[in-house]
Amino acid sequence: MLSIKINKVIPMDDMKLLVFFENGSVKQFDVGALSKDCPEFEVLRDPAIFQCVEVEPGGYGIAWNDELDCSEGELWENSIDISSK
């Protein structure tokens, strides 16, 4: 799979993220859906924790802390493209 690095991430309401990729694409990722399969992400239902998301060095993913992160591939494959909206 081609790796498309992340430039920026913005937390939104309802456990959703706007993810800006280096190729100009903007996608929306639903962390709430992820937490159904990965119980460790339930802690992100706390808005104060959810808002702490950052792009990892090099743009290879995003992270809330040392234990909760998502790779650029996961975000690219499991997000809705909203670039043209």
PDB file of N, CA and C in Angstrom:
ATOM      1  N   MET A   1       0.832  -1.180   0.000  1.00  0.00           N
ATOM      2  CA  MET A   1       0.000   0.000   0.000  1.00  0.00           C
ATOM      3  C   MET A   1       0.879   1.247   0.000  1.00  0.00           C
ATOM      4  N   LEU A   2       0.487   2.215  -0.779  1.00  0.00           N
ATOM      5  CA  LEU A   2       1.180   3.482  -0.842  1.00  0.00           C
ATOM      6  C   LEU A   2       0.957   4.259   0.447  1.00  0.00           C
ATOM      7  N   SER A   3       2.008   4.784   1.012  1.00  0.00           N
ATOM      8  CA  SER A   3       1.901   5.552   2.257  1.00  0.00           C
ATOM      9  C   SER A   3       1.683   7.022   1.940  1.00  0.00           C
ATOM     10  N   ILE A   4       0.571   7.568   2.412  1.00  0.00           N
ATOM     11  CA  ILE A   4       0.271   8.982   2.227  1.00  0.00           C
ATOM     12  C   ILE A   4       0.319   9.630   3.603  1.00  0.00           C
ATOM     13  N   LYS A   5       1.294  10.461   3.801  1.00  0.00           N
ATOM     14  CA  LYS A   5       1.524  11.049   5.118  1.00  0.00           C
ATOM     15  C   LYS A   5       0.457  12.083   5.481  1.00  0.00           C
ATOM     16  N   ILE A   6       0.332  12.292   6.774  1.00  0.00           N
ATOM     17  CA  ILE A   6      -0.644  13.229   7.332  1.00  0.00           C
ATOM     18  C   ILE A   6       0.039  14.560   7.610  1.00  0.00           C
ATOM     19  N   ASN A   7      -0.622  15.643   7.196  1.00  0.00           N
ATOM     20  CA  ASN A   7      -0.113  16.985   7.484  1.00  0.00           C
ATOM     21  C   ASN A   7      -0.736  17.591   8.731  1.00  0.00           C
ATOM     22  N   LYS A   8      -2.028  17.297   8.946  1.00  0.00           N
ATOM     23  CA  LYS A   8      -2.767  17.976  10.017  1.00  0.00           C
ATOM     24  C   LYS A   8      -3.960  17.130  10.433  1.00  0.00           C
ATOM     25  N   VAL A   9      -4.348  17.233  11.697  1.00  0.00           N
ATOM     26  CA  VAL A   9      -5.550  16.562  12.193  1.00  0.00           C
ATOM     27  C   VAL A   9      -6.309  17.540  13.086  1.00  0.00           C
ATOM     28  N   ILE A  10      -7.633  17.570  12.902  1.00  0.00           N
ATOM     29  CA  ILE A  10      -8.487  18.453  13.698  1.00  0.00           C
ATOM     30  C   ILE A  10      -9.585  17.611  14.340  1.00  0.00           C
ATOM     31  N   PRO A  11      -9.652  17.602  15.689  1.00  0.00           N
ATOM     32  CA  PRO A  11     -10.742  16.885  16.356  1.00  0.00           C
ATOM     33  C   PRO A  11     -12.057  17.644  16.180  1.00  0.00           C
ATOM     34  N   MET A  12     -13.134  16.890  15.952  1.00  0.00           N
ATOM     35  CA  MET A  12     -14.465  17.468  15.777  1.00  0.00           C
ATOM     36  C   MET A  12     -15.401  16.880  16.831  1.00  0.00           C
ATOM     37  N   ASP A  13     -16.668  17.230  16.756  1.00  0.00           N
ATOM     38  CA  ASP A  13     -17.664  16.661  17.656  1.00  0.00           C
ATOM     39  C   ASP A  13     -17.936  15.207  17.297  1.00  0.00           C
ATOM     40  N   ASP A  14     -18.595  14.485  18.182  1.00  0.00           N
ATOM     41  CA  ASP A  14     -19.035  13.110  17.943  1.00  0.00           C
ATOM     42  C   ASP A  14     -17.893  12.146  17.635  1.00  0.00           C
ATOM     43  N   MET A  15     -16.730  12.378  18.232  1.00  0.00           N
ATOM     44  CA  MET A  15     -15.566  11.492  18.067  1.00  0.00           C
ATOM     45  C   MET A  15     -15.135  11.337  16.613  1.00  0.00           C
ATOM     46  N   LYS A  16     -15.223  12.401  15.857  1.00  0.00           N
ATOM     47  CA  LYS A  16     -14.765  12.391  14.467  1.00  0.00           C
ATOM     48  C   LYS A  16     -13.543  13.294  14.332  1.00  0.00           C
ATOM     49  N   LEU A  17     -12.703  12.959  13.362  1.00  0.00           N
ATOM     50  CA  LEU A  17     -11.503  13.740  13.076  1.00  0.00           C
ATOM     51  C   LEU A  17     -11.507  14.180  11.627  1.00  0.00           C
ATOM     52  N   LEU A  18     -11.004  15.371  11.365  1.00  0.00           N
ATOM     53  CA  LEU A  18     -10.681  15.780   9.997  1.00  0.00           C
ATOM     54  C   LEU A  18      -9.194  15.526   9.836  1.00  0.00           C
ATOM     55  N   VAL A  19      -8.842  14.767   8.811  1.00  0.00           N
ATOM     56  CA  VAL A  19      -7.450  14.405   8.583  1.00  0.00           C
ATOM     57  C   VAL A  19      -7.023  14.965   7.232  1.00  0.00           C
ATOM     58  N   PHE A  20      -5.967  15.761   7.241  1.00  0.00           N
ATOM     59  CA  PHE A  20      -5.443  16.395   6.035  1.00  0.00           C
ATOM     60  C   PHE A  20      -4.182  15.644   5.617  1.00  0.00           C
ATOM     61  N   PHE A  21      -4.187  15.107   4.395  1.00  0.00           N
ATOM     62  CA  PHE A  21      -3.070  14.313   3.887  1.00  0.00           C
ATOM     63  C   PHE A  21      -2.189  15.159   2.974  1.00  0.00           C
ATOM     64  N   GLU A  22      -0.940  14.715   2.806  1.00  0.00           N
ATOM     65  CA  GLU A  22       0.032  15.480   2.025  1.00  0.00           C
ATOM     66  C   GLU A  22      -0.339  15.596   0.546  1.00  0.00           C
ATOM     67  N   ASN A  23      -1.202  14.721   0.053  1.00  0.00           N
ATOM     68  CA  ASN A  23      -1.597  14.791  -1.361  1.00  0.00           C
ATOM     69  C   ASN A  23      -2.776  15.741  -1.590  1.00  0.00           C
ATOM     70  N   GLY A  24      -3.210  16.444  -0.528  1.00  0.00           N
ATOM     71  CA  GLY A  24      -4.303  17.397  -0.641  1.00  0.00           C
ATOM     72  C   GLY A  24      -5.659  16.841  -0.256  1.00  0.00           C
ATOM     73  N   SER A  25      -5.764  15.543  -0.043  1.00  0.00           N
ATOM     74  CA  SER A  25      -7.035  14.934   0.354  1.00  0.00           C
ATOM     75  C   SER A  25      -7.375  15.293   1.793  1.00  0.00           C
ATOM     76  N   VAL A  26      -8.672  15.472   2.036  1.00  0.00           N
ATOM     77  CA  VAL A  26      -9.183  15.699   3.384  1.00  0.00           C
ATOM     78  C   VAL A  26     -10.202  14.603   3.642  1.00  0.00           C
ATOM     79  N   LYS A  27     -10.038  13.896   4.749  1.00  0.00           N
ATOM     80  CA  LYS A  27     -10.931  12.789   5.071  1.00  0.00           C
ATOM     81  C   LYS A  27     -11.465  12.929   6.484  1.00  0.00           C
ATOM     82  N   GLN A  28     -12.622  12.323   6.702  1.00  0.00           N
ATOM     83  CA  GLN A  28     -13.234  12.302   8.030  1.00  0.00           C
ATOM     84  C   GLN A  28     -13.151  10.887   8.574  1.00  0.00           C
ATOM     85  N   PHE A  29     -12.591  10.772   9.770  1.00  0.00           N
ATOM     86  CA  PHE A  29     -12.404   9.474  10.416  1.00  0.00           C
ATOM     87  C   PHE A  29     -13.270   9.406  11.665  1.00  0.00           C
ATOM     88  N   ASP A  30     -14.021   8.329  11.806  1.00  0.00           N
ATOM     89  CA  ASP A  30     -14.921   8.133  12.943  1.00  0.00           C
ATOM     90  C   ASP A  30     -14.243   7.261  13.995  1.00  0.00           C
ATOM     91  N   VAL A  31     -13.722   7.896  15.036  1.00  0.00           N
ATOM     92  CA  VAL A  31     -13.050   7.176  16.108  1.00  0.00           C
ATOM     93  C   VAL A  31     -14.065   6.376  16.923  1.00  0.00           C
ATOM     94  N   GLY A  32     -15.296   6.839  16.997  1.00  0.00           N
ATOM     95  CA  GLY A  32     -16.343   6.120  17.715  1.00  0.00           C
ATOM     96  C   GLY A  32     -16.548   4.726  17.163  1.00  0.00           C
ATOM     97  N   ALA A  33     -16.519   4.587  15.852  1.00  0.00           N
ATOM     98  CA  ALA A  33     -16.662   3.275  15.224  1.00  0.00           C
ATOM     99  C   ALA A  33     -15.465   2.383  15.572  1.00  0.00           C
ATOM    100  N   LEU A  34     -14.297   2.966  15.622  1.00  0.00           N
ATOM    101  CA  LEU A  34     -13.089   2.217  15.971  1.00  0.00           C
ATOM    102  C   LEU A  34     -13.170   1.700  17.401  1.00  0.00           C
ATOM    103  N   SER A  35     -13.748   2.497  18.298  1.00  0.00           N
ATOM    104  CA  SER A  35     -13.801   2.096  19.706  1.00  0.00           C
ATOM    105  C   SER A  35     -14.700   0.883  19.922  1.00  0.00           C
ATOM    106  N   LYS A  36     -15.603   0.598  18.988  1.00  0.00           N
ATOM    107  CA  LYS A  36     -16.455  -0.595  19.108  1.00  0.00           C
ATOM    108  C   LYS A  36     -15.628  -1.876  18.976  1.00  0.00           C
ATOM    109  N   ASP A  37     -14.595  -1.833  18.117  1.00  0.00           N
ATOM    110  CA  ASP A  37     -13.737  -2.997  17.916  1.00  0.00           C
ATOM    111  C   ASP A  37     -12.515  -3.001  18.821  1.00  0.00           C
ATOM    112  N   CYS A  38     -12.137  -1.830  19.305  1.00  0.00           N
ATOM    113  CA  CYS A  38     -10.937  -1.688  20.134  1.00  0.00           C
ATOM    114  C   CYS A  38     -11.301  -0.972  21.423  1.00  0.00           C
ATOM    115  N   PRO A  39     -11.637  -1.709  22.471  1.00  0.00           N
ATOM    116  CA  PRO A  39     -12.116  -1.113  23.728  1.00  0.00           C
ATOM    117  C   PRO A  39     -11.152  -0.100  24.350  1.00  0.00           C
ATOM    118  N   GLU A  40      -9.873  -0.203  24.064  1.00  0.00           N
ATOM    119  CA  GLU A  40      -8.926   0.742  24.643  1.00  0.00           C
ATOM    120  C   GLU A  40      -9.175   2.187  24.174  1.00  0.00           C
ATOM    121  N   PHE A  41      -9.893   2.334  23.057  1.00  0.00           N
ATOM    122  CA  PHE A  41     -10.208   3.666  22.536  1.00  0.00           C
ATOM    123  C   PHE A  41     -11.423   4.295  23.226  1.00  0.00           C
ATOM    124  N   GLU A  42     -12.096   3.554  24.096  1.00  0.00           N
ATOM    125  CA  GLU A  42     -13.258   4.085  24.823  1.00  0.00           C
ATOM    126  C   GLU A  42     -12.898   5.319  25.653  1.00  0.00           C
ATOM    127  N   VAL A  43     -11.670   5.384  26.140  1.00  0.00           N
ATOM    128  CA  VAL A  43     -11.227   6.526  26.938  1.00  0.00           C
ATOM    129  C   VAL A  43     -11.351   7.835  26.152  1.00  0.00           C
ATOM    130  N   LEU A  44     -11.361   7.741  24.824  1.00  0.00           N
ATOM    131  CA  LEU A  44     -11.450   8.938  23.989  1.00  0.00           C
ATOM    132  C   LEU A  44     -12.852   9.538  23.973  1.00  0.00           C
ATOM    133  N   ARG A  45     -13.798   8.887  24.620  1.00  0.00           N
ATOM    134  CA  ARG A  45     -15.136   9.476  24.750  1.00  0.00           C
ATOM    135  C   ARG A  45     -15.098  10.694  25.675  1.00  0.00           C
ATOM    136  N   ASP A  46     -14.036  10.825  26.446  1.00  0.00           N
ATOM    137  CA  ASP A  46     -13.819  12.020  27.265  1.00  0.00           C
ATOM    138  C   ASP A  46     -13.314  13.124  26.328  1.00  0.00           C
ATOM    139  N   PRO A  47     -14.095  14.195  26.117  1.00  0.00           N
ATOM    140  CA  PRO A  47     -13.705  15.249  25.161  1.00  0.00           C
ATOM    141  C   PRO A  47     -12.341  15.874  25.460  1.00  0.00           C
ATOM    142  N   ALA A  48     -11.982  15.986  26.721  1.00  0.00           N
ATOM    143  CA  ALA A  48     -10.685  16.577  27.071  1.00  0.00           C
ATOM    144  C   ALA A  48      -9.528  15.729  26.546  1.00  0.00           C
ATOM    145  N   ILE A  49      -9.680  14.418  26.602  1.00  0.00           N
ATOM    146  CA  ILE A  49      -8.642  13.519  26.084  1.00  0.00           C
ATOM    147  C   ILE A  49      -8.682  13.498  24.566  1.00  0.00           C
ATOM    148  N   PHE A  50      -9.881  13.411  23.990  1.00  0.00           N
ATOM    149  CA  PHE A  50     -10.035  13.339  22.534  1.00  0.00           C
ATOM    150  C   PHE A  50      -9.399  14.548  21.842  1.00  0.00           C
ATOM    151  N   GLN A  51      -9.533  15.715  22.431  1.00  0.00           N
ATOM    152  CA  GLN A  51      -9.014  16.953  21.838  1.00  0.00           C
ATOM    153  C   GLN A  51      -7.482  17.002  21.800  1.00  0.00           C
ATOM    154  N   CYS A  52      -6.810  16.106  22.500  1.00  0.00           N
ATOM    155  CA  CYS A  52      -5.346  16.112  22.583  1.00  0.00           C
ATOM    156  C   CYS A  52      -4.652  15.423  21.403  1.00  0.00           C
ATOM    157  N   VAL A  53      -5.384  15.027  20.393  1.00  0.00           N
ATOM    158  CA  VAL A  53      -4.805  14.315  19.257  1.00  0.00           C
ATOM    159  C   VAL A  53      -3.771  15.190  18.535  1.00  0.00           C
ATOM    160  N   GLU A  54      -2.685  14.549  18.100  1.00  0.00           N
ATOM    161  CA  GLU A  54      -1.620  15.224  17.363  1.00  0.00           C
ATOM    162  C   GLU A  54      -1.112  14.328  16.246  1.00  0.00           C
ATOM    163  N   VAL A  55      -0.543  14.951  15.226  1.00  0.00           N
ATOM    164  CA  VAL A  55       0.118  14.201  14.156  1.00  0.00           C
ATOM    165  C   VAL A  55       1.456  13.706  14.696  1.00  0.00           C
ATOM    166  N   GLU A  56       1.754  12.445  14.436  1.00  0.00           N
ATOM    167  CA  GLU A  56       3.031  11.893  14.876  1.00  0.00           C
ATOM    168  C   GLU A  56       4.157  12.418  13.982  1.00  0.00           C
ATOM    169  N   PRO A  57       5.381  12.461  14.509  1.00  0.00           N
ATOM    170  CA  PRO A  57       6.513  12.942  13.716  1.00  0.00           C
ATOM    171  C   PRO A  57       6.620  12.219  12.372  1.00  0.00           C
ATOM    172  N   GLY A  58       6.835  12.979  11.334  1.00  0.00           N
ATOM    173  CA  GLY A  58       6.955  12.417   9.992  1.00  0.00           C
ATOM    174  C   GLY A  58       5.632  12.215   9.286  1.00  0.00           C
ATOM    175  N   GLY A  59       4.519  12.417  10.010  1.00  0.00           N
ATOM    176  CA  GLY A  59       3.198  12.274   9.395  1.00  0.00           C
ATOM    177  C   GLY A  59       2.745  10.844   9.211  1.00  0.00           C
ATOM    178  N   TYR A  60       3.359   9.908   9.946  1.00  0.00           N
ATOM    179  CA  TYR A  60       3.039   8.488   9.773  1.00  0.00           C
ATOM    180  C   TYR A  60       1.850   8.009  10.596  1.00  0.00           C
ATOM    181  N   GLY A  61       1.146   8.916  11.232  1.00  0.00           N
ATOM    182  CA  GLY A  61      -0.016   8.545  12.014  1.00  0.00           C
ATOM    183  C   GLY A  61      -0.418   9.684  12.923  1.00  0.00           C
ATOM    184  N   ILE A  62      -1.378   9.386  13.804  1.00  0.00           N
ATOM    185  CA  ILE A  62      -1.817  10.343  14.812  1.00  0.00           C
ATOM    186  C   ILE A  62      -1.780   9.638  16.160  1.00  0.00           C
ATOM    187  N   ALA A  63      -1.729  10.425  17.230  1.00  0.00           N
ATOM    188  CA  ALA A  63      -1.688   9.816  18.559  1.00  0.00           C
ATOM    189  C   ALA A  63      -2.309  10.755  19.583  1.00  0.00           C
ATOM    190  N   TRP A  64      -2.872  10.136  20.607  1.00  0.00           N
ATOM    191  CA  TRP A  64      -3.385  10.863  21.764  1.00  0.00           C
ATOM    192  C   TRP A  64      -2.396  10.762  22.918  1.00  0.00           C
ATOM    193  N   ASN A  65      -1.711   9.632  22.986  1.00  0.00           N
ATOM    194  CA  ASN A  65      -0.679   9.403  23.996  1.00  0.00           C
ATOM    195  C   ASN A  65       0.195   8.247  23.499  1.00  0.00           C
ATOM    196  N   ASP A  66       1.055   7.741  24.352  1.00  0.00           N
ATOM    197  CA  ASP A  66       1.975   6.673  23.941  1.00  0.00           C
ATOM    198  C   ASP A  66       1.271   5.351  23.643  1.00  0.00           C
ATOM    199  N   GLU A  67       0.041   5.203  24.108  1.00  0.00           N
ATOM    200  CA  GLU A  67      -0.670   3.935  23.952  1.00  0.00           C
ATOM    201  C   GLU A  67      -1.798   3.970  22.935  1.00  0.00           C
ATOM    202  N   LEU A  68      -2.282   5.153  22.587  1.00  0.00           N
ATOM    203  CA  LEU A  68      -3.410   5.274  21.657  1.00  0.00           C
ATOM    204  C   LEU A  68      -2.985   6.020  20.404  1.00  0.00           C
ATOM    205  N   ASP A  69      -2.957   5.290  19.291  1.00  0.00           N
ATOM    206  CA  ASP A  69      -2.581   5.913  18.028  1.00  0.00           C
ATOM    207  C   ASP A  69      -3.233   5.196  16.864  1.00  0.00           C
ATOM    208  N   CYS A  70      -3.165   5.804  15.697  1.00  0.00           N
ATOM    209  CA  CYS A  70      -3.667   5.217  14.443  1.00  0.00           C
ATOM    210  C   CYS A  70      -2.653   5.536  13.359  1.00  0.00           C
ATOM    211  N   SER A  71      -2.376   4.565  12.512  1.00  0.00           N
ATOM    212  CA  SER A  71      -1.423   4.771  11.423  1.00  0.00           C
ATOM    213  C   SER A  71      -2.071   5.542  10.282  1.00  0.00           C
ATOM    214  N   GLU A  72      -1.229   6.104   9.431  1.00  0.00           N
ATOM    215  CA  GLU A  72      -1.740   6.817   8.260  1.00  0.00           C
ATOM    216  C   GLU A  72      -2.507   5.880   7.345  1.00  0.00           C
ATOM    217  N   GLY A  73      -2.101   4.627   7.269  1.00  0.00           N
ATOM    218  CA  GLY A  73      -2.807   3.652   6.428  1.00  0.00           C
ATOM    219  C   GLY A  73      -4.209   3.367   6.938  1.00  0.00           C
ATOM    220  N   GLU A  74      -4.343   3.194   8.225  1.00  0.00           N
ATOM    221  CA  GLU A  74      -5.664   2.970   8.843  1.00  0.00           C
ATOM    222  C   GLU A  74      -6.577   4.161   8.578  1.00  0.00           C
ATOM    223  N   LEU A  75      -6.047   5.357   8.771  1.00  0.00           N
ATOM    224  CA  LEU A  75      -6.844   6.565   8.567  1.00  0.00           C
ATOM    225  C   LEU A  75      -7.235   6.725   7.095  1.00  0.00           C
ATOM    226  N   TRP A  76      -6.306   6.436   6.199  1.00  0.00           N
ATOM    227  CA  TRP A  76      -6.576   6.573   4.767  1.00  0.00           C
ATOM    228  C   TRP A  76      -7.642   5.570   4.313  1.00  0.00           C
ATOM    229  N   GLU A  77      -7.497   4.327   4.731  1.00  0.00           N
ATOM    230  CA  GLU A  77      -8.392   3.260   4.276  1.00  0.00           C
ATOM    231  C   GLU A  77      -9.782   3.323   4.906  1.00  0.00           C
ATOM    232  N   ASN A  78      -9.888   3.819   6.128  1.00  0.00           N
ATOM    233  CA  ASN A  78     -11.148   3.753   6.871  1.00  0.00           C
ATOM    234  C   ASN A  78     -11.800   5.109   7.109  1.00  0.00           C
ATOM    235  N   SER A  79     -11.508   6.057   6.259  1.00  0.00           N
ATOM    236  CA  SER A  79     -12.088   7.388   6.371  1.00  0.00           C
ATOM    237  C   SER A  79     -12.954   7.684   5.157  1.00  0.00           C
ATOM    238  N   ILE A  80     -13.806   8.680   5.317  1.00  0.00           N
ATOM    239  CA  ILE A  80     -14.659   9.145   4.224  1.00  0.00           C
ATOM    240  C   ILE A  80     -13.994  10.369   3.600  1.00  0.00           C
ATOM    241  N   ASP A  81     -13.794  10.322   2.291  1.00  0.00           N
ATOM    242  CA  ASP A  81     -13.183  11.451   1.583  1.00  0.00           C
ATOM    243  C   ASP A  81     -14.176  12.604   1.501  1.00  0.00           C
ATOM    244  N   ILE A  82     -13.789  13.739   2.028  1.00  0.00           N
ATOM    245  CA  ILE A  82     -14.649  14.928   1.963  1.00  0.00           C
ATOM    246  C   ILE A  82     -13.950  16.058   1.218  1.00  0.00           C
ATOM    247  N   SER A  83     -12.898  15.742   0.495  1.00  0.00           N
ATOM    248  CA  SER A  83     -12.111  16.759  -0.220  1.00  0.00           C
ATOM    249  C   SER A  83     -12.951  17.585  -1.170  1.00  0.00           C
ATOM    250  N   SER A  84     -13.895  16.956  -1.835  1.00  0.00           N
ATOM    251  CA  SER A  84     -14.670  17.658  -2.868  1.00  0.00           C
ATOM    252  C   SER A  84     -15.984  18.202  -2.355  1.00  0.00           C
ATOM    253  N   LYS A  85     -16.257  18.075  -1.062  1.00  0.00           N
ATOM    254  CA  LYS A  85     -17.523  18.566  -0.519  1.00  0.00           C
ATOM    255  C   LYS A  85     -17.433  20.019  -0.171  1.00  0.00           C
TER     256      LYS A  85
END
